[in-house]
Amino acid sequence: MAVHRWRFIDPSNGSTYVFEHNPNHMNSPFPRRNITARTTTAVTGQTVLTEGNSGPAEFTFGGSIRSKAHYDALRSWVYDDDGRPRTRRIIIVDHFGREMQAVLISFDPQPKRALNVYWRHEYEMTALVTKVGPASVVNEPAGVFR
């Protein structure tokens, strides 16, 4: 059974980072629909729905870090060497093979105590996703989300 590793791709320079360990949790990368409901002043009080364009989705994912290399890589995709946020758009490829156009907006590592694993952290990252491509992985057996 193949494990499809998450990747970050920077289209501006072609650099790629393949995750050591896939995230173990995530929310939906799809935007919430922008629907406004208003009632009319008519006797029947009908509700009128209007829909505008959806903004970017706030996509949150996270998991475990077990090495300094993984920690440094995730941090460097969000912040530059001076700790300032990077503004570049990247492509996130998840375990379903979906390519998501996104801007990473935060990296929140929390140190965890672990014997013989000095760089053990749990982390959460947040991105604004503007586009989600179709899944390219199909009919995988259960348990490949690692």
N, C-alpha and C. Protein backbone atom coordinates (compact mmCIF):
# COMPACT_ATOMS: atom_id res chain seq x y z
N MET A 1 0.85 -1.16 0.00
CA MET A 1 0.00 0.00 0.00
C MET A 1 0.90 1.24 0.00
N ALA A 2 0.71 2.11 -0.95
CA ALA A 2 1.53 3.31 -1.10
C ALA A 2 0.99 4.44 -0.24
N VAL A 3 1.89 5.16 0.40
CA VAL A 3 1.52 6.34 1.16
C VAL A 3 1.83 7.55 0.28
N HIS A 4 0.85 8.37 0.04
CA HIS A 4 1.04 9.56 -0.78
C HIS A 4 1.43 10.72 0.12
N ARG A 5 2.67 11.12 0.04
CA ARG A 5 3.21 12.18 0.89
C ARG A 5 2.72 13.55 0.46
N TRP A 6 2.43 14.37 1.46
CA TRP A 6 2.09 15.76 1.19
C TRP A 6 3.33 16.47 0.66
N ARG A 7 3.08 17.51 -0.16
CA ARG A 7 4.18 18.30 -0.72
C ARG A 7 3.79 19.77 -0.75
N PHE A 8 4.79 20.63 -0.63
CA PHE A 8 4.67 22.04 -0.93
C PHE A 8 5.47 22.26 -2.20
N ILE A 9 4.91 23.02 -3.13
CA ILE A 9 5.61 23.36 -4.37
C ILE A 9 5.56 24.88 -4.53
N ASP A 10 6.71 25.48 -4.81
CA ASP A 10 6.77 26.91 -5.08
C ASP A 10 6.88 27.09 -6.59
N PRO A 11 5.78 27.51 -7.26
CA PRO A 11 5.82 27.65 -8.72
C PRO A 11 6.79 28.73 -9.21
N SER A 12 7.15 29.68 -8.35
CA SER A 12 8.02 30.77 -8.78
C SER A 12 9.45 30.30 -9.02
N ASN A 13 9.90 29.28 -8.28
CA ASN A 13 11.28 28.82 -8.46
C ASN A 13 11.39 27.31 -8.62
N GLY A 14 10.27 26.60 -8.56
CA GLY A 14 10.27 25.15 -8.76
C GLY A 14 10.68 24.33 -7.56
N SER A 15 10.95 24.99 -6.42
CA SER A 15 11.37 24.21 -5.25
C SER A 15 10.19 23.41 -4.70
N THR A 16 10.52 22.26 -4.12
CA THR A 16 9.52 21.34 -3.58
C THR A 16 9.97 20.83 -2.23
N TYR A 17 9.03 20.67 -1.32
CA TYR A 17 9.31 20.02 -0.03
C TYR A 17 8.34 18.86 0.12
N VAL A 18 8.87 17.66 0.38
CA VAL A 18 8.05 16.48 0.63
C VAL A 18 8.06 16.23 2.13
N PHE A 19 6.88 16.14 2.74
CA PHE A 19 6.77 15.98 4.18
C PHE A 19 7.39 14.67 4.64
N GLU A 20 8.09 14.70 5.78
CA GLU A 20 8.59 13.48 6.40
C GLU A 20 7.43 12.63 6.91
N HIS A 21 6.46 13.30 7.52
CA HIS A 21 5.25 12.65 8.05
C HIS A 21 4.06 13.46 7.60
N ASN A 22 3.07 12.81 7.01
CA ASN A 22 1.86 13.52 6.61
C ASN A 22 1.14 14.08 7.83
N PRO A 23 0.41 15.17 7.67
CA PRO A 23 -0.43 15.66 8.76
C PRO A 23 -1.42 14.58 9.18
N ASN A 24 -1.83 14.63 10.45
CA ASN A 24 -2.81 13.64 10.91
C ASN A 24 -4.19 14.24 11.15
N HIS A 25 -4.33 15.54 10.89
CA HIS A 25 -5.67 16.15 10.91
C HIS A 25 -5.71 17.35 9.98
N MET A 26 -6.90 17.63 9.49
CA MET A 26 -7.11 18.77 8.59
C MET A 26 -8.60 19.09 8.55
N ASN A 27 -8.92 20.32 8.15
CA ASN A 27 -10.32 20.65 7.90
C ASN A 27 -10.51 20.71 6.38
N SER A 28 -11.69 21.10 5.97
CA SER A 28 -11.98 21.14 4.54
C SER A 28 -11.28 22.32 3.86
N PRO A 29 -10.67 22.09 2.69
CA PRO A 29 -10.03 23.19 1.97
C PRO A 29 -11.00 23.97 1.09
N PHE A 30 -12.27 23.58 1.11
CA PHE A 30 -13.24 24.23 0.24
C PHE A 30 -13.88 25.44 0.93
N PRO A 31 -14.12 26.51 0.18
CA PRO A 31 -14.67 27.73 0.79
C PRO A 31 -16.14 27.56 1.17
N ARG A 32 -16.54 28.34 2.14
CA ARG A 32 -17.94 28.39 2.54
C ARG A 32 -18.68 29.27 1.54
N ARG A 33 -19.87 28.84 1.15
CA ARG A 33 -20.66 29.63 0.19
C ARG A 33 -21.08 30.95 0.83
N ASN A 34 -21.11 32.00 0.04
CA ASN A 34 -21.43 33.34 0.50
C ASN A 34 -22.89 33.65 0.14
N ILE A 35 -23.81 33.22 1.02
CA ILE A 35 -25.24 33.37 0.76
C ILE A 35 -25.83 34.32 1.79
N THR A 36 -26.60 35.28 1.30
CA THR A 36 -27.30 36.23 2.17
C THR A 36 -28.80 35.97 2.05
N ALA A 37 -29.47 35.88 3.20
CA ALA A 37 -30.92 35.67 3.21
C ALA A 37 -31.59 36.93 3.74
N ARG A 38 -32.61 37.37 3.02
CA ARG A 38 -33.40 38.54 3.45
C ARG A 38 -34.87 38.20 3.24
N THR A 39 -35.68 38.69 4.14
CA THR A 39 -37.11 38.48 3.97
C THR A 39 -37.71 39.73 3.33
N THR A 40 -38.76 39.52 2.57
CA THR A 40 -39.43 40.64 1.90
C THR A 40 -40.48 41.22 2.83
N THR A 41 -40.96 42.41 2.47
CA THR A 41 -42.02 43.04 3.26
C THR A 41 -43.41 42.64 2.77
N ALA A 42 -43.44 41.73 1.81
CA ALA A 42 -44.73 41.27 1.30
C ALA A 42 -45.50 40.54 2.40
N VAL A 43 -46.80 40.40 2.18
CA VAL A 43 -47.66 39.75 3.16
C VAL A 43 -47.20 38.32 3.46
N THR A 44 -46.73 37.61 2.42
CA THR A 44 -46.29 36.24 2.62
C THR A 44 -44.88 36.15 3.21
N GLY A 45 -44.15 37.25 3.22
CA GLY A 45 -42.82 37.29 3.82
C GLY A 45 -41.83 36.31 3.24
N GLN A 46 -41.80 36.20 1.93
CA GLN A 46 -40.90 35.28 1.27
C GLN A 46 -39.44 35.62 1.58
N THR A 47 -38.61 34.61 1.64
CA THR A 47 -37.19 34.80 1.85
C THR A 47 -36.49 34.83 0.49
N VAL A 48 -35.65 35.84 0.30
CA VAL A 48 -34.90 35.97 -0.94
C VAL A 48 -33.43 35.65 -0.62
N LEU A 49 -32.87 34.72 -1.39
CA LEU A 49 -31.47 34.34 -1.21
C LEU A 49 -30.64 34.93 -2.33
N THR A 50 -29.51 35.54 -1.98
CA THR A 50 -28.56 36.02 -2.99
C THR A 50 -27.21 35.40 -2.66
N GLU A 51 -26.44 35.13 -3.71
CA GLU A 51 -25.14 34.51 -3.50
C GLU A 51 -24.06 35.33 -4.19
N GLY A 52 -23.02 35.63 -3.43
CA GLY A 52 -21.86 36.33 -3.97
C GLY A 52 -20.70 35.38 -4.13
N ASN A 53 -19.59 35.89 -4.63
CA ASN A 53 -18.39 35.07 -4.78
C ASN A 53 -17.86 34.66 -3.41
N SER A 54 -17.37 33.45 -3.33
CA SER A 54 -16.76 32.99 -2.09
C SER A 54 -15.33 33.52 -2.00
N GLY A 55 -14.93 33.84 -0.80
CA GLY A 55 -13.54 34.23 -0.58
C GLY A 55 -12.69 32.98 -0.42
N PRO A 56 -11.42 33.15 -0.12
CA PRO A 56 -10.56 31.98 0.07
C PRO A 56 -10.97 31.21 1.32
N ALA A 57 -10.72 29.91 1.30
CA ALA A 57 -11.02 29.07 2.46
C ALA A 57 -9.85 29.10 3.42
N GLU A 58 -10.14 29.13 4.72
CA GLU A 58 -9.09 29.02 5.72
C GLU A 58 -8.89 27.53 6.00
N PHE A 59 -7.78 27.01 5.58
CA PHE A 59 -7.47 25.59 5.63
C PHE A 59 -6.44 25.35 6.72
N THR A 60 -6.78 24.50 7.68
CA THR A 60 -5.90 24.21 8.79
C THR A 60 -5.55 22.72 8.79
N PHE A 61 -4.28 22.42 8.98
CA PHE A 61 -3.84 21.03 9.06
C PHE A 61 -2.68 20.95 10.04
N GLY A 62 -2.43 19.76 10.55
CA GLY A 62 -1.34 19.62 11.50
C GLY A 62 -1.01 18.17 11.77
N GLY A 63 0.03 17.99 12.56
CA GLY A 63 0.49 16.65 12.87
C GLY A 63 1.71 16.68 13.75
N SER A 64 2.59 15.69 13.56
CA SER A 64 3.77 15.52 14.39
C SER A 64 5.04 15.89 13.65
N ILE A 65 5.95 16.45 14.40
CA ILE A 65 7.31 16.72 13.92
C ILE A 65 8.23 15.89 14.80
N ARG A 66 9.18 15.20 14.17
CA ARG A 66 10.10 14.37 14.93
C ARG A 66 11.57 14.68 14.63
N SER A 67 11.82 15.71 13.80
CA SER A 67 13.21 16.06 13.50
C SER A 67 13.35 17.56 13.29
N LYS A 68 14.56 18.06 13.52
CA LYS A 68 14.84 19.48 13.29
C LYS A 68 14.68 19.84 11.82
N ALA A 69 15.03 18.93 10.92
CA ALA A 69 14.91 19.20 9.49
C ALA A 69 13.44 19.44 9.10
N HIS A 70 12.53 18.64 9.62
CA HIS A 70 11.10 18.80 9.33
C HIS A 70 10.60 20.12 9.93
N TYR A 71 10.99 20.40 11.17
CA TYR A 71 10.62 21.65 11.83
C TYR A 71 11.09 22.86 11.01
N ASP A 72 12.38 22.87 10.65
CA ASP A 72 12.95 24.00 9.91
C ASP A 72 12.30 24.16 8.54
N ALA A 73 12.01 23.05 7.88
CA ALA A 73 11.39 23.13 6.55
C ALA A 73 10.00 23.74 6.63
N LEU A 74 9.17 23.26 7.55
CA LEU A 74 7.82 23.82 7.67
C LEU A 74 7.86 25.30 8.02
N ARG A 75 8.73 25.66 8.96
CA ARG A 75 8.85 27.06 9.36
C ARG A 75 9.29 27.93 8.18
N SER A 76 10.25 27.45 7.38
CA SER A 76 10.79 28.27 6.29
C SER A 76 9.79 28.51 5.17
N TRP A 77 8.78 27.66 5.05
CA TRP A 77 7.77 27.88 4.01
C TRP A 77 6.79 28.97 4.42
N VAL A 78 6.74 29.30 5.73
CA VAL A 78 5.83 30.34 6.22
C VAL A 78 6.56 31.63 6.53
N TYR A 79 7.76 31.54 7.13
CA TYR A 79 8.50 32.72 7.57
C TYR A 79 9.89 32.74 6.97
N ASP A 80 10.41 33.96 6.72
CA ASP A 80 11.79 34.07 6.24
C ASP A 80 12.75 33.98 7.43
N ASP A 81 14.04 34.14 7.18
CA ASP A 81 15.05 33.99 8.24
C ASP A 81 14.91 35.02 9.36
N ASP A 82 14.30 36.17 9.07
CA ASP A 82 14.10 37.20 10.08
C ASP A 82 12.76 37.06 10.81
N GLY A 83 12.01 36.00 10.51
CA GLY A 83 10.73 35.78 11.18
C GLY A 83 9.56 36.52 10.56
N ARG A 84 9.78 37.15 9.41
CA ARG A 84 8.69 37.86 8.73
C ARG A 84 7.91 36.88 7.87
N PRO A 85 6.59 37.03 7.79
CA PRO A 85 5.80 36.12 6.95
C PRO A 85 6.16 36.26 5.48
N ARG A 86 6.18 35.14 4.79
CA ARG A 86 6.39 35.14 3.34
C ARG A 86 5.02 35.34 2.68
N THR A 87 5.00 35.99 1.54
CA THR A 87 3.73 36.27 0.87
C THR A 87 3.55 35.48 -0.41
N ARG A 88 4.47 34.58 -0.69
CA ARG A 88 4.40 33.83 -1.94
C ARG A 88 3.23 32.85 -1.94
N ARG A 89 2.68 32.65 -3.13
CA ARG A 89 1.66 31.63 -3.32
C ARG A 89 2.34 30.32 -3.62
N ILE A 90 1.83 29.27 -3.04
CA ILE A 90 2.42 27.95 -3.25
C ILE A 90 1.32 26.97 -3.66
N ILE A 91 1.73 25.77 -3.96
CA ILE A 91 0.78 24.69 -4.22
C ILE A 91 0.98 23.65 -3.12
N ILE A 92 -0.10 23.29 -2.46
CA ILE A 92 -0.08 22.22 -1.47
C ILE A 92 -0.69 20.99 -2.15
N VAL A 93 0.02 19.88 -2.12
CA VAL A 93 -0.50 18.63 -2.67
C VAL A 93 -0.74 17.70 -1.48
N ASP A 94 -2.00 17.30 -1.28
CA ASP A 94 -2.33 16.46 -0.13
C ASP A 94 -2.30 14.98 -0.48
N HIS A 95 -2.70 14.14 0.46
CA HIS A 95 -2.66 12.68 0.28
C HIS A 95 -3.66 12.18 -0.74
N PHE A 96 -4.62 13.01 -1.14
CA PHE A 96 -5.56 12.66 -2.21
C PHE A 96 -5.02 13.07 -3.59
N GLY A 97 -3.88 13.74 -3.61
CA GLY A 97 -3.32 14.23 -4.86
C GLY A 97 -3.94 15.53 -5.33
N ARG A 98 -4.73 16.18 -4.47
CA ARG A 98 -5.34 17.46 -4.84
C ARG A 98 -4.28 18.56 -4.77
N GLU A 99 -4.22 19.36 -5.82
CA GLU A 99 -3.33 20.51 -5.82
C GLU A 99 -4.13 21.74 -5.40
N MET A 100 -3.68 22.37 -4.32
CA MET A 100 -4.37 23.53 -3.78
C MET A 100 -3.48 24.76 -3.90
N GLN A 101 -3.98 25.79 -4.57
CA GLN A 101 -3.25 27.06 -4.62
C GLN A 101 -3.51 27.77 -3.30
N ALA A 102 -2.43 28.18 -2.63
CA ALA A 102 -2.59 28.70 -1.28
C ALA A 102 -1.49 29.68 -0.91
N VAL A 103 -1.74 30.40 0.18
CA VAL A 103 -0.74 31.21 0.85
C VAL A 103 -0.71 30.72 2.29
N LEU A 104 0.45 30.30 2.76
CA LEU A 104 0.58 29.86 4.15
C LEU A 104 0.60 31.09 5.05
N ILE A 105 -0.24 31.08 6.09
CA ILE A 105 -0.31 32.27 6.94
C ILE A 105 0.17 32.04 8.38
N SER A 106 0.26 30.78 8.80
CA SER A 106 0.80 30.56 10.15
C SER A 106 1.37 29.15 10.30
N PHE A 107 2.34 29.05 11.21
CA PHE A 107 2.95 27.80 11.62
C PHE A 107 3.03 27.86 13.14
N ASP A 108 2.33 26.95 13.81
CA ASP A 108 2.26 26.97 15.27
C ASP A 108 2.77 25.64 15.83
N PRO A 109 4.09 25.55 16.11
CA PRO A 109 4.63 24.32 16.69
C PRO A 109 4.53 24.35 18.22
N GLN A 110 4.15 23.23 18.81
CA GLN A 110 4.06 23.09 20.26
C GLN A 110 5.00 21.97 20.69
N PRO A 111 6.05 22.27 21.45
CA PRO A 111 6.97 21.22 21.89
C PRO A 111 6.24 20.16 22.73
N LYS A 112 6.63 18.91 22.53
CA LYS A 112 6.07 17.80 23.30
C LYS A 112 7.21 17.01 23.91
N ARG A 113 6.99 16.55 25.10
CA ARG A 113 8.01 15.75 25.78
C ARG A 113 8.05 14.35 25.17
N ALA A 114 9.25 13.91 24.82
CA ALA A 114 9.43 12.57 24.26
C ALA A 114 10.85 12.12 24.53
N LEU A 115 11.00 10.92 25.03
CA LEU A 115 12.33 10.38 25.28
C LEU A 115 13.05 10.13 23.97
N ASN A 116 14.28 10.57 23.89
CA ASN A 116 15.15 10.35 22.73
C ASN A 116 14.66 11.01 21.43
N VAL A 117 13.68 11.91 21.50
CA VAL A 117 13.23 12.65 20.31
C VAL A 117 13.19 14.12 20.70
N TYR A 118 14.36 14.77 20.63
CA TYR A 118 14.51 16.14 21.12
C TYR A 118 13.60 17.12 20.38
N TRP A 119 13.43 16.96 19.07
CA TRP A 119 12.66 17.91 18.27
C TRP A 119 11.19 17.51 18.14
N ARG A 120 10.66 16.72 19.05
CA ARG A 120 9.26 16.29 19.01
C ARG A 120 8.34 17.49 19.24
N HIS A 121 7.47 17.74 18.27
CA HIS A 121 6.48 18.81 18.35
C HIS A 121 5.17 18.32 17.75
N GLU A 122 4.10 18.92 18.16
CA GLU A 122 2.82 18.85 17.45
C GLU A 122 2.67 20.22 16.81
N TYR A 123 2.21 20.29 15.58
CA TYR A 123 2.11 21.58 14.91
C TYR A 123 0.75 21.73 14.25
N GLU A 124 0.44 22.98 13.98
CA GLU A 124 -0.73 23.30 13.19
C GLU A 124 -0.33 24.40 12.23
N MET A 125 -0.73 24.26 10.97
CA MET A 125 -0.48 25.28 9.97
C MET A 125 -1.81 25.75 9.41
N THR A 126 -1.86 27.01 9.02
CA THR A 126 -3.06 27.57 8.42
C THR A 126 -2.68 28.20 7.09
N ALA A 127 -3.53 27.99 6.11
CA ALA A 127 -3.33 28.55 4.77
C ALA A 127 -4.64 29.12 4.27
N LEU A 128 -4.55 30.12 3.41
CA LEU A 128 -5.71 30.60 2.67
C LEU A 128 -5.66 29.92 1.31
N VAL A 129 -6.69 29.14 1.00
CA VAL A 129 -6.74 28.36 -0.23
C VAL A 129 -7.66 29.05 -1.22
N THR A 130 -7.14 29.33 -2.42
CA THR A 130 -7.93 30.01 -3.44
C THR A 130 -8.48 29.07 -4.51
N LYS A 131 -7.88 27.87 -4.63
CA LYS A 131 -8.33 26.92 -5.65
C LYS A 131 -7.95 25.51 -5.22
N VAL A 132 -8.88 24.56 -5.41
CA VAL A 132 -8.62 23.16 -5.10
C VAL A 132 -8.83 22.33 -6.36
N GLY A 133 -7.80 21.60 -6.75
CA GLY A 133 -7.90 20.74 -7.94
C GLY A 133 -8.54 19.41 -7.60
N PRO A 134 -8.80 18.60 -8.62
CA PRO A 134 -9.44 17.30 -8.39
C PRO A 134 -8.46 16.31 -7.76
N ALA A 135 -9.02 15.32 -7.08
CA ALA A 135 -8.20 14.26 -6.49
C ALA A 135 -7.66 13.36 -7.59
N SER A 136 -6.41 12.95 -7.45
CA SER A 136 -5.83 12.05 -8.44
C SER A 136 -5.64 10.64 -7.86
N VAL A 137 -5.83 10.48 -6.55
CA VAL A 137 -5.71 9.19 -5.90
C VAL A 137 -7.11 8.63 -5.71
N VAL A 138 -7.33 7.42 -6.21
CA VAL A 138 -8.66 6.81 -6.08
C VAL A 138 -8.55 5.39 -5.55
N ASN A 139 -9.60 4.95 -4.89
CA ASN A 139 -9.75 3.57 -4.42
C ASN A 139 -8.60 3.07 -3.57
N GLU A 140 -8.08 3.93 -2.71
CA GLU A 140 -7.04 3.49 -1.77
C GLU A 140 -7.72 2.76 -0.62
N PRO A 141 -7.09 1.74 -0.08
CA PRO A 141 -7.65 1.08 1.10
C PRO A 141 -7.62 2.01 2.31
N ALA A 142 -8.44 1.73 3.28
CA ALA A 142 -8.50 2.56 4.49
C ALA A 142 -7.16 2.55 5.19
N GLY A 143 -6.86 3.64 5.89
CA GLY A 143 -5.66 3.71 6.70
C GLY A 143 -4.45 4.32 6.05
N VAL A 144 -4.59 4.98 4.90
CA VAL A 144 -3.41 5.58 4.26
C VAL A 144 -3.17 7.00 4.72
N PHE A 145 -4.07 7.58 5.51
CA PHE A 145 -3.88 8.95 6.01
C PHE A 145 -2.96 8.86 7.21
N ARG A 146 -1.67 9.16 7.00
CA ARG A 146 -0.68 9.04 8.07
C ARG A 146 -0.01 10.34 8.32
